[in-house]
Amino acid sequence: MNHRAKNVKPLARKEGLVVQELPDEVLVYDLDRDKAHCLNETAAMVWRKCDGSATTTAITKALENELHKPVDEKLVWLALDQLGRNNLLKHMPAPPPVLSGLNRREMVRALGIAAAVAIPVVTSIVAPTPAQAATCLPSGAACTADALCCSGSCPGAPSGTCA
């Protein structure tokens, strides 16, 4: 890796996110984009280390200390790529020239088959907005307010029937 790439200090995005730590993963909900992300243990470790002061080399060493296994810095770059693509970093750091232009499959291949640590994975889904997630009661259903009915009419509320 070149000197410039080793001095990259990635910064995780924290604003507009709801974070739930679980034993082997981290769930992150992006309020700005209505997207939910599940970071596996490796991706979560990298994301937690992205404090804006740690270089990719320091993050790699920290992972080695936590996992008690050797870690290739390419693994950190793969995690950063996924975190950046999912808007979980303040800005996407430029990868070193040896990894620049590689797609994710090629990056995984560059790590080698015998990686001692699980490949970082960020799985994402688009969550419905509150308006999209809202359901309404069909005609004939018991209702207590107009807003509950698809028709917008609940004659006889508070114990009415949707029109």
N, C-alpha and C. Protein backbone atom coordinates (compact mmCIF):
# COMPACT_ATOMS: atom_id res chain seq x y z
N MET A 1 0.84 -1.18 0.00
CA MET A 1 0.00 0.00 0.00
C MET A 1 0.89 1.24 0.00
N ASN A 2 0.46 2.27 -0.71
CA ASN A 2 1.29 3.46 -0.76
C ASN A 2 1.13 4.30 0.51
N HIS A 3 2.03 5.24 0.72
CA HIS A 3 2.06 6.06 1.93
C HIS A 3 0.76 6.87 2.08
N ARG A 4 0.26 7.42 0.98
CA ARG A 4 -0.93 8.26 1.03
C ARG A 4 -2.16 7.45 1.48
N ALA A 5 -2.30 6.23 0.97
CA ALA A 5 -3.44 5.39 1.36
C ALA A 5 -3.35 4.99 2.82
N LYS A 6 -2.15 4.83 3.36
CA LYS A 6 -1.99 4.44 4.76
C LYS A 6 -2.35 5.58 5.70
N ASN A 7 -2.34 6.82 5.21
CA ASN A 7 -2.66 7.97 6.06
C ASN A 7 -4.13 8.34 6.03
N VAL A 8 -4.94 7.57 5.32
CA VAL A 8 -6.38 7.84 5.26
C VAL A 8 -6.97 7.60 6.65
N LYS A 9 -7.80 8.54 7.10
CA LYS A 9 -8.44 8.44 8.41
C LYS A 9 -9.95 8.52 8.21
N PRO A 10 -10.57 7.37 7.95
CA PRO A 10 -12.02 7.38 7.67
C PRO A 10 -12.83 7.80 8.89
N LEU A 11 -13.97 8.44 8.61
CA LEU A 11 -14.84 8.93 9.66
C LEU A 11 -16.25 8.39 9.43
N ALA A 12 -16.75 7.64 10.40
CA ALA A 12 -18.10 7.08 10.31
C ALA A 12 -19.13 8.18 10.46
N ARG A 13 -20.20 8.06 9.72
CA ARG A 13 -21.33 8.97 9.86
C ARG A 13 -22.13 8.55 11.09
N LYS A 14 -22.51 9.49 11.91
CA LYS A 14 -23.29 9.19 13.12
C LYS A 14 -24.63 9.92 13.14
N GLU A 15 -24.73 11.05 12.43
CA GLU A 15 -25.95 11.85 12.44
C GLU A 15 -27.01 11.18 11.57
N GLY A 16 -28.25 11.26 12.01
CA GLY A 16 -29.36 10.73 11.22
C GLY A 16 -29.42 9.22 11.19
N LEU A 17 -28.75 8.58 12.15
CA LEU A 17 -28.73 7.12 12.21
C LEU A 17 -29.26 6.64 13.55
N VAL A 18 -29.95 5.53 13.52
CA VAL A 18 -30.34 4.83 14.74
C VAL A 18 -29.53 3.54 14.73
N VAL A 19 -28.76 3.31 15.80
CA VAL A 19 -27.84 2.18 15.84
C VAL A 19 -28.24 1.23 16.96
N GLN A 20 -28.34 -0.05 16.62
CA GLN A 20 -28.65 -1.08 17.61
C GLN A 20 -27.52 -2.11 17.58
N GLU A 21 -26.78 -2.19 18.68
CA GLU A 21 -25.68 -3.15 18.79
C GLU A 21 -26.24 -4.50 19.23
N LEU A 22 -25.91 -5.55 18.51
CA LEU A 22 -26.27 -6.92 18.86
C LEU A 22 -24.99 -7.71 19.05
N PRO A 23 -25.06 -8.92 19.62
CA PRO A 23 -23.82 -9.66 19.90
C PRO A 23 -22.88 -9.85 18.71
N ASP A 24 -23.41 -10.23 17.55
CA ASP A 24 -22.53 -10.52 16.40
C ASP A 24 -22.74 -9.60 15.21
N GLU A 25 -23.51 -8.53 15.39
CA GLU A 25 -23.76 -7.61 14.29
C GLU A 25 -24.26 -6.28 14.83
N VAL A 26 -24.33 -5.32 13.92
CA VAL A 26 -24.85 -4.01 14.27
C VAL A 26 -25.92 -3.66 13.24
N LEU A 27 -27.07 -3.24 13.73
CA LEU A 27 -28.14 -2.80 12.85
C LEU A 27 -28.14 -1.27 12.84
N VAL A 28 -28.17 -0.70 11.64
CA VAL A 28 -28.13 0.76 11.49
C VAL A 28 -29.30 1.17 10.61
N TYR A 29 -30.13 2.06 11.13
CA TYR A 29 -31.23 2.59 10.33
C TYR A 29 -30.91 4.02 9.97
N ASP A 30 -30.90 4.30 8.67
CA ASP A 30 -30.59 5.63 8.15
C ASP A 30 -31.89 6.40 8.01
N LEU A 31 -32.12 7.33 8.91
CA LEU A 31 -33.36 8.12 8.92
C LEU A 31 -33.48 9.01 7.69
N ASP A 32 -32.34 9.46 7.16
CA ASP A 32 -32.35 10.36 5.99
C ASP A 32 -32.74 9.64 4.71
N ARG A 33 -32.40 8.37 4.60
CA ARG A 33 -32.62 7.61 3.36
C ARG A 33 -33.63 6.49 3.51
N ASP A 34 -34.19 6.31 4.71
CA ASP A 34 -35.12 5.22 4.99
C ASP A 34 -34.56 3.87 4.53
N LYS A 35 -33.31 3.62 4.96
CA LYS A 35 -32.65 2.36 4.65
C LYS A 35 -32.16 1.72 5.94
N ALA A 36 -32.29 0.41 5.99
CA ALA A 36 -31.78 -0.35 7.14
C ALA A 36 -30.56 -1.13 6.68
N HIS A 37 -29.53 -1.14 7.50
CA HIS A 37 -28.28 -1.84 7.18
C HIS A 37 -27.94 -2.80 8.31
N CYS A 38 -27.48 -3.97 7.94
CA CYS A 38 -26.99 -4.94 8.91
C CYS A 38 -25.51 -5.14 8.64
N LEU A 39 -24.68 -4.78 9.61
CA LEU A 39 -23.23 -4.92 9.48
C LEU A 39 -22.82 -6.19 10.22
N ASN A 40 -22.15 -7.11 9.51
CA ASN A 40 -21.68 -8.29 10.22
C ASN A 40 -20.57 -7.87 11.18
N GLU A 41 -20.08 -8.80 11.96
CA GLU A 41 -19.12 -8.47 13.02
C GLU A 41 -17.89 -7.74 12.49
N THR A 42 -17.35 -8.20 11.37
CA THR A 42 -16.15 -7.58 10.81
C THR A 42 -16.42 -6.16 10.33
N ALA A 43 -17.50 -5.98 9.58
CA ALA A 43 -17.86 -4.64 9.09
C ALA A 43 -18.14 -3.70 10.26
N ALA A 44 -18.81 -4.22 11.30
CA ALA A 44 -19.12 -3.41 12.48
C ALA A 44 -17.85 -2.98 13.21
N MET A 45 -16.89 -3.89 13.31
CA MET A 45 -15.62 -3.54 13.97
C MET A 45 -14.93 -2.40 13.24
N VAL A 46 -14.89 -2.49 11.91
CA VAL A 46 -14.24 -1.44 11.11
C VAL A 46 -15.01 -0.14 11.30
N TRP A 47 -16.34 -0.17 11.21
CA TRP A 47 -17.15 1.04 11.31
C TRP A 47 -16.95 1.73 12.66
N ARG A 48 -16.88 0.95 13.73
CA ARG A 48 -16.67 1.52 15.06
C ARG A 48 -15.31 2.21 15.18
N LYS A 49 -14.32 1.72 14.43
CA LYS A 49 -12.96 2.28 14.49
C LYS A 49 -12.81 3.53 13.64
N CYS A 50 -13.78 3.82 12.79
CA CYS A 50 -13.71 4.98 11.89
C CYS A 50 -14.08 6.25 12.66
N ASP A 51 -13.13 6.73 13.46
CA ASP A 51 -13.38 7.90 14.30
C ASP A 51 -12.75 9.18 13.76
N GLY A 52 -12.14 9.10 12.59
CA GLY A 52 -11.51 10.27 11.99
C GLY A 52 -10.08 10.49 12.45
N SER A 53 -9.64 9.73 13.43
CA SER A 53 -8.25 9.88 13.90
C SER A 53 -7.41 8.63 13.63
N ALA A 54 -8.06 7.49 13.42
CA ALA A 54 -7.34 6.24 13.16
C ALA A 54 -7.13 6.04 11.66
N THR A 55 -5.91 5.72 11.28
CA THR A 55 -5.61 5.42 9.88
C THR A 55 -6.09 4.00 9.57
N THR A 56 -6.14 3.67 8.29
CA THR A 56 -6.51 2.30 7.91
C THR A 56 -5.51 1.29 8.48
N THR A 57 -4.26 1.69 8.58
CA THR A 57 -3.24 0.81 9.17
C THR A 57 -3.55 0.60 10.66
N ALA A 58 -3.91 1.65 11.37
CA ALA A 58 -4.25 1.53 12.78
C ALA A 58 -5.51 0.70 12.98
N ILE A 59 -6.48 0.88 12.08
CA ILE A 59 -7.71 0.08 12.16
C ILE A 59 -7.38 -1.40 11.96
N THR A 60 -6.50 -1.69 11.02
CA THR A 60 -6.08 -3.07 10.76
C THR A 60 -5.43 -3.66 12.01
N LYS A 61 -4.53 -2.92 12.63
CA LYS A 61 -3.86 -3.40 13.85
C LYS A 61 -4.86 -3.60 15.00
N ALA A 62 -5.82 -2.71 15.11
CA ALA A 62 -6.83 -2.84 16.15
C ALA A 62 -7.67 -4.10 15.93
N LEU A 63 -8.00 -4.38 14.67
CA LEU A 63 -8.74 -5.61 14.37
C LEU A 63 -7.93 -6.85 14.73
N GLU A 64 -6.64 -6.81 14.40
CA GLU A 64 -5.77 -7.94 14.75
C GLU A 64 -5.77 -8.16 16.26
N ASN A 65 -5.71 -7.09 17.03
CA ASN A 65 -5.71 -7.19 18.49
C ASN A 65 -7.03 -7.77 19.01
N GLU A 66 -8.15 -7.32 18.44
CA GLU A 66 -9.46 -7.79 18.89
C GLU A 66 -9.71 -9.25 18.50
N LEU A 67 -9.28 -9.60 17.28
CA LEU A 67 -9.58 -10.93 16.75
C LEU A 67 -8.50 -11.97 17.08
N HIS A 68 -7.34 -11.49 17.51
CA HIS A 68 -6.20 -12.37 17.80
C HIS A 68 -5.82 -13.21 16.58
N LYS A 69 -5.93 -12.56 15.40
CA LYS A 69 -5.59 -13.20 14.13
C LYS A 69 -4.97 -12.15 13.22
N PRO A 70 -4.15 -12.58 12.26
CA PRO A 70 -3.63 -11.60 11.31
C PRO A 70 -4.75 -11.09 10.40
N VAL A 71 -4.69 -9.81 10.09
CA VAL A 71 -5.70 -9.19 9.24
C VAL A 71 -4.98 -8.45 8.12
N ASP A 72 -5.41 -8.68 6.90
CA ASP A 72 -4.87 -7.98 5.73
C ASP A 72 -5.56 -6.63 5.64
N GLU A 73 -4.80 -5.57 5.39
CA GLU A 73 -5.39 -4.23 5.30
C GLU A 73 -6.42 -4.14 4.17
N LYS A 74 -6.32 -5.03 3.20
CA LYS A 74 -7.32 -5.05 2.12
C LYS A 74 -8.71 -5.33 2.68
N LEU A 75 -8.78 -6.09 3.76
CA LEU A 75 -10.05 -6.37 4.41
C LEU A 75 -10.70 -5.09 4.91
N VAL A 76 -9.89 -4.22 5.49
CA VAL A 76 -10.38 -2.92 5.98
C VAL A 76 -10.89 -2.10 4.80
N TRP A 77 -10.15 -2.11 3.70
CA TRP A 77 -10.56 -1.35 2.52
C TRP A 77 -11.85 -1.90 1.93
N LEU A 78 -12.03 -3.22 1.96
CA LEU A 78 -13.28 -3.82 1.48
C LEU A 78 -14.44 -3.35 2.36
N ALA A 79 -14.24 -3.34 3.67
CA ALA A 79 -15.28 -2.85 4.58
C ALA A 79 -15.58 -1.38 4.32
N LEU A 80 -14.54 -0.57 4.15
CA LEU A 80 -14.73 0.86 3.87
C LEU A 80 -15.51 1.08 2.58
N ASP A 81 -15.22 0.26 1.58
CA ASP A 81 -15.93 0.35 0.32
C ASP A 81 -17.43 0.12 0.54
N GLN A 82 -17.77 -0.92 1.28
CA GLN A 82 -19.18 -1.22 1.53
C GLN A 82 -19.84 -0.17 2.41
N LEU A 83 -19.13 0.28 3.43
CA LEU A 83 -19.68 1.32 4.30
C LEU A 83 -19.90 2.61 3.52
N GLY A 84 -18.94 2.96 2.68
CA GLY A 84 -19.06 4.18 1.87
C GLY A 84 -20.20 4.11 0.88
N ARG A 85 -20.34 2.97 0.22
CA ARG A 85 -21.43 2.81 -0.76
C ARG A 85 -22.81 2.89 -0.10
N ASN A 86 -22.86 2.59 1.19
CA ASN A 86 -24.13 2.63 1.91
C ASN A 86 -24.28 3.89 2.75
N ASN A 87 -23.46 4.90 2.45
CA ASN A 87 -23.54 6.22 3.10
C ASN A 87 -23.39 6.15 4.62
N LEU A 88 -22.53 5.24 5.09
CA LEU A 88 -22.28 5.13 6.51
C LEU A 88 -20.96 5.77 6.91
N LEU A 89 -20.29 6.41 5.93
CA LEU A 89 -19.08 7.19 6.18
C LEU A 89 -19.37 8.63 5.80
N LYS A 90 -18.68 9.57 6.45
CA LYS A 90 -18.84 10.99 6.12
C LYS A 90 -18.48 11.24 4.66
N HIS A 91 -17.39 10.62 4.20
CA HIS A 91 -16.99 10.69 2.80
C HIS A 91 -16.20 9.44 2.48
N MET A 92 -16.26 9.03 1.23
CA MET A 92 -15.62 7.80 0.81
C MET A 92 -14.13 8.05 0.57
N PRO A 93 -13.26 7.38 1.34
CA PRO A 93 -11.82 7.56 1.10
C PRO A 93 -11.39 6.87 -0.20
N ALA A 94 -10.42 7.47 -0.86
CA ALA A 94 -9.89 6.87 -2.10
C ALA A 94 -9.03 5.66 -1.75
N PRO A 95 -9.32 4.51 -2.35
CA PRO A 95 -8.52 3.32 -2.05
C PRO A 95 -7.11 3.45 -2.63
N PRO A 96 -6.20 2.65 -2.11
CA PRO A 96 -4.84 2.67 -2.66
C PRO A 96 -4.85 2.21 -4.11
N PRO A 97 -3.84 2.60 -4.90
CA PRO A 97 -3.82 2.24 -6.32
C PRO A 97 -3.96 0.74 -6.58
N VAL A 98 -3.43 -0.11 -5.70
CA VAL A 98 -3.50 -1.55 -5.92
C VAL A 98 -4.96 -2.05 -5.88
N LEU A 99 -5.84 -1.32 -5.19
CA LEU A 99 -7.25 -1.72 -5.10
C LEU A 99 -8.17 -0.83 -5.92
N SER A 100 -7.66 0.30 -6.38
CA SER A 100 -8.46 1.25 -7.13
C SER A 100 -9.00 0.61 -8.40
N GLY A 101 -10.28 0.78 -8.64
CA GLY A 101 -10.89 0.27 -9.85
C GLY A 101 -11.37 -1.17 -9.75
N LEU A 102 -11.06 -1.83 -8.65
CA LEU A 102 -11.53 -3.21 -8.48
C LEU A 102 -12.98 -3.21 -8.02
N ASN A 103 -13.77 -4.12 -8.56
CA ASN A 103 -15.12 -4.26 -8.02
C ASN A 103 -15.04 -5.12 -6.76
N ARG A 104 -16.16 -5.26 -6.06
CA ARG A 104 -16.13 -5.99 -4.79
C ARG A 104 -15.69 -7.44 -4.95
N ARG A 105 -16.13 -8.08 -6.01
CA ARG A 105 -15.73 -9.47 -6.24
C ARG A 105 -14.21 -9.57 -6.41
N GLU A 106 -13.65 -8.63 -7.16
CA GLU A 106 -12.19 -8.64 -7.36
C GLU A 106 -11.46 -8.30 -6.06
N MET A 107 -12.05 -7.43 -5.24
CA MET A 107 -11.43 -7.12 -3.95
C MET A 107 -11.39 -8.35 -3.05
N VAL A 108 -12.49 -9.10 -3.04
CA VAL A 108 -12.53 -10.33 -2.24
C VAL A 108 -11.49 -11.31 -2.76
N ARG A 109 -11.37 -11.40 -4.07
CA ARG A 109 -10.38 -12.29 -4.68
C ARG A 109 -8.96 -11.84 -4.31
N ALA A 110 -8.74 -10.52 -4.25
CA ALA A 110 -7.43 -9.99 -3.89
C ALA A 110 -7.07 -10.34 -2.45
N LEU A 111 -8.08 -10.51 -1.61
CA LEU A 111 -7.84 -10.90 -0.22
C LEU A 111 -7.33 -12.33 -0.13
N GLY A 112 -7.70 -13.13 -1.08
CA GLY A 112 -7.29 -14.53 -1.05
C GLY A 112 -8.36 -15.38 -0.40
N ILE A 113 -8.38 -16.62 -0.78
CA ILE A 113 -9.39 -17.55 -0.29
C ILE A 113 -9.20 -17.85 1.18
N ALA A 114 -7.98 -17.84 1.65
CA ALA A 114 -7.69 -18.25 3.02
C ALA A 114 -7.68 -17.08 4.00
N ALA A 115 -8.63 -16.15 3.85
CA ALA A 115 -8.69 -15.04 4.80
C ALA A 115 -8.98 -15.61 6.19
N ALA A 116 -8.23 -15.16 7.18
CA ALA A 116 -8.37 -15.68 8.53
C ALA A 116 -9.58 -15.08 9.25
N VAL A 117 -10.14 -14.03 8.68
CA VAL A 117 -11.24 -13.31 9.31
C VAL A 117 -12.42 -13.30 8.35
N ALA A 118 -13.61 -13.27 8.89
CA ALA A 118 -14.80 -13.21 8.04
C ALA A 118 -14.77 -11.96 7.16
N ILE A 119 -15.17 -12.13 5.93
CA ILE A 119 -15.25 -11.01 4.99
C ILE A 119 -16.30 -10.03 5.51
N PRO A 120 -16.00 -8.72 5.51
CA PRO A 120 -17.00 -7.75 5.99
C PRO A 120 -18.19 -7.69 5.04
N VAL A 121 -19.38 -7.68 5.60
CA VAL A 121 -20.59 -7.64 4.80
C VAL A 121 -21.54 -6.60 5.37
N VAL A 122 -22.05 -5.75 4.48
CA VAL A 122 -23.10 -4.79 4.84
C VAL A 122 -24.30 -5.14 3.98
N THR A 123 -25.37 -5.59 4.61
CA THR A 123 -26.59 -5.93 3.90
C THR A 123 -27.60 -4.82 4.15
N SER A 124 -28.24 -4.35 3.07
CA SER A 124 -29.15 -3.21 3.21
C SER A 124 -30.50 -3.48 2.57
N ILE A 125 -31.52 -2.89 3.15
CA ILE A 125 -32.86 -2.92 2.55
C ILE A 125 -33.44 -1.52 2.63
N VAL A 126 -34.31 -1.21 1.69
CA VAL A 126 -35.01 0.06 1.72
C VAL A 126 -36.24 -0.14 2.57
N ALA A 127 -36.40 0.68 3.58
CA ALA A 127 -37.56 0.60 4.46
C ALA A 127 -38.65 1.52 3.93
N PRO A 128 -39.91 1.13 4.11
CA PRO A 128 -40.97 2.02 3.65
C PRO A 128 -41.03 3.28 4.51
N THR A 129 -41.40 4.38 3.88
CA THR A 129 -41.60 5.61 4.66
C THR A 129 -42.84 5.41 5.52
N PRO A 130 -43.02 6.20 6.56
CA PRO A 130 -44.22 6.03 7.39
C PRO A 130 -45.52 6.07 6.58
N ALA A 131 -45.58 6.94 5.58
CA ALA A 131 -46.80 7.01 4.76
C ALA A 131 -47.00 5.73 3.97
N GLN A 132 -45.90 5.15 3.46
CA GLN A 132 -46.01 3.91 2.70
C GLN A 132 -46.36 2.73 3.60
N ALA A 133 -45.91 2.78 4.84
CA ALA A 133 -46.13 1.67 5.76
C ALA A 133 -47.52 1.72 6.39
N ALA A 134 -48.17 2.86 6.32
CA ALA A 134 -49.47 3.01 6.94
C ALA A 134 -50.49 2.10 6.27
N THR A 135 -51.36 1.52 7.07
CA THR A 135 -52.44 0.70 6.54
C THR A 135 -53.75 1.34 6.96
N CYS A 136 -54.79 1.01 6.27
CA CYS A 136 -56.10 1.56 6.61
C CYS A 136 -57.10 0.41 6.69
N LEU A 137 -58.23 0.70 7.30
CA LEU A 137 -59.28 -0.30 7.47
C LEU A 137 -60.22 -0.28 6.28
N PRO A 138 -60.60 -1.45 5.78
CA PRO A 138 -61.50 -1.50 4.63
C PRO A 138 -62.94 -1.16 5.02
N SER A 139 -63.75 -0.96 4.04
CA SER A 139 -65.17 -0.68 4.25
C SER A 139 -65.80 -1.80 5.06
N GLY A 140 -66.60 -1.43 6.06
CA GLY A 140 -67.28 -2.42 6.90
C GLY A 140 -66.52 -2.80 8.16
N ALA A 141 -65.25 -2.38 8.27
CA ALA A 141 -64.45 -2.71 9.45
C ALA A 141 -64.81 -1.77 10.61
N ALA A 142 -64.73 -2.31 11.83
CA ALA A 142 -64.99 -1.49 13.02
C ALA A 142 -63.91 -0.42 13.13
N CYS A 143 -64.31 0.80 13.46
CA CYS A 143 -63.35 1.90 13.55
C CYS A 143 -63.69 2.82 14.71
N THR A 144 -62.70 3.63 15.08
CA THR A 144 -62.90 4.59 16.16
C THR A 144 -62.63 6.04 15.71
N ALA A 145 -62.12 6.21 14.47
CA ALA A 145 -61.84 7.55 13.95
C ALA A 145 -61.80 7.51 12.43
N ASP A 146 -62.12 8.65 11.79
CA ASP A 146 -62.12 8.74 10.33
C ASP A 146 -60.76 8.38 9.73
N ALA A 147 -59.68 8.78 10.41
CA ALA A 147 -58.33 8.58 9.87
C ALA A 147 -57.97 7.11 9.73
N LEU A 148 -58.64 6.24 10.43
CA LEU A 148 -58.33 4.80 10.37
C LEU A 148 -58.89 4.13 9.12
N CYS A 149 -59.88 4.72 8.51
CA CYS A 149 -60.57 4.10 7.37
C CYS A 149 -59.94 4.52 6.04
N CYS A 150 -59.86 3.56 5.11
CA CYS A 150 -59.34 3.88 3.77
C CYS A 150 -60.20 4.95 3.11
N SER A 151 -61.48 4.93 3.40
CA SER A 151 -62.40 5.90 2.82
C SER A 151 -62.27 7.26 3.49
N GLY A 152 -61.66 7.27 4.71
CA GLY A 152 -61.56 8.51 5.46
C GLY A 152 -62.82 8.84 6.20
N SER A 153 -63.76 7.88 6.25
CA SER A 153 -65.03 8.13 6.91
C SER A 153 -65.38 6.99 7.86
N CYS A 154 -65.60 7.34 9.13
CA CYS A 154 -65.97 6.37 10.16
C CYS A 154 -67.25 6.87 10.82
N PRO A 155 -68.38 6.73 10.11
CA PRO A 155 -69.65 7.21 10.68
C PRO A 155 -69.94 6.47 12.00
N GLY A 156 -70.36 7.21 13.00
CA GLY A 156 -70.70 6.62 14.28
C GLY A 156 -69.51 6.50 15.24
N ALA A 157 -68.34 7.08 14.85
CA ALA A 157 -67.17 7.02 15.74
C ALA A 157 -67.57 7.60 17.08
N PRO A 158 -67.13 7.09 18.16
CA PRO A 158 -65.97 6.23 18.37
C PRO A 158 -66.28 4.74 18.25
N SER A 159 -67.46 4.32 17.98
CA SER A 159 -67.68 2.89 17.77
C SER A 159 -68.45 2.71 16.47
N GLY A 160 -67.79 3.12 15.38
CA GLY A 160 -68.46 3.10 14.09
C GLY A 160 -67.97 2.00 13.18
N THR A 161 -68.34 2.12 11.91
CA THR A 161 -67.96 1.17 10.88
C THR A 161 -67.49 1.98 9.68
N CYS A 162 -66.35 1.60 9.11
CA CYS A 162 -65.80 2.33 7.96
C CYS A 162 -66.78 2.30 6.81
N ALA A 163 -66.97 3.49 6.19
CA ALA A 163 -67.88 3.61 5.04
C ALA A 163 -67.24 3.06 3.80
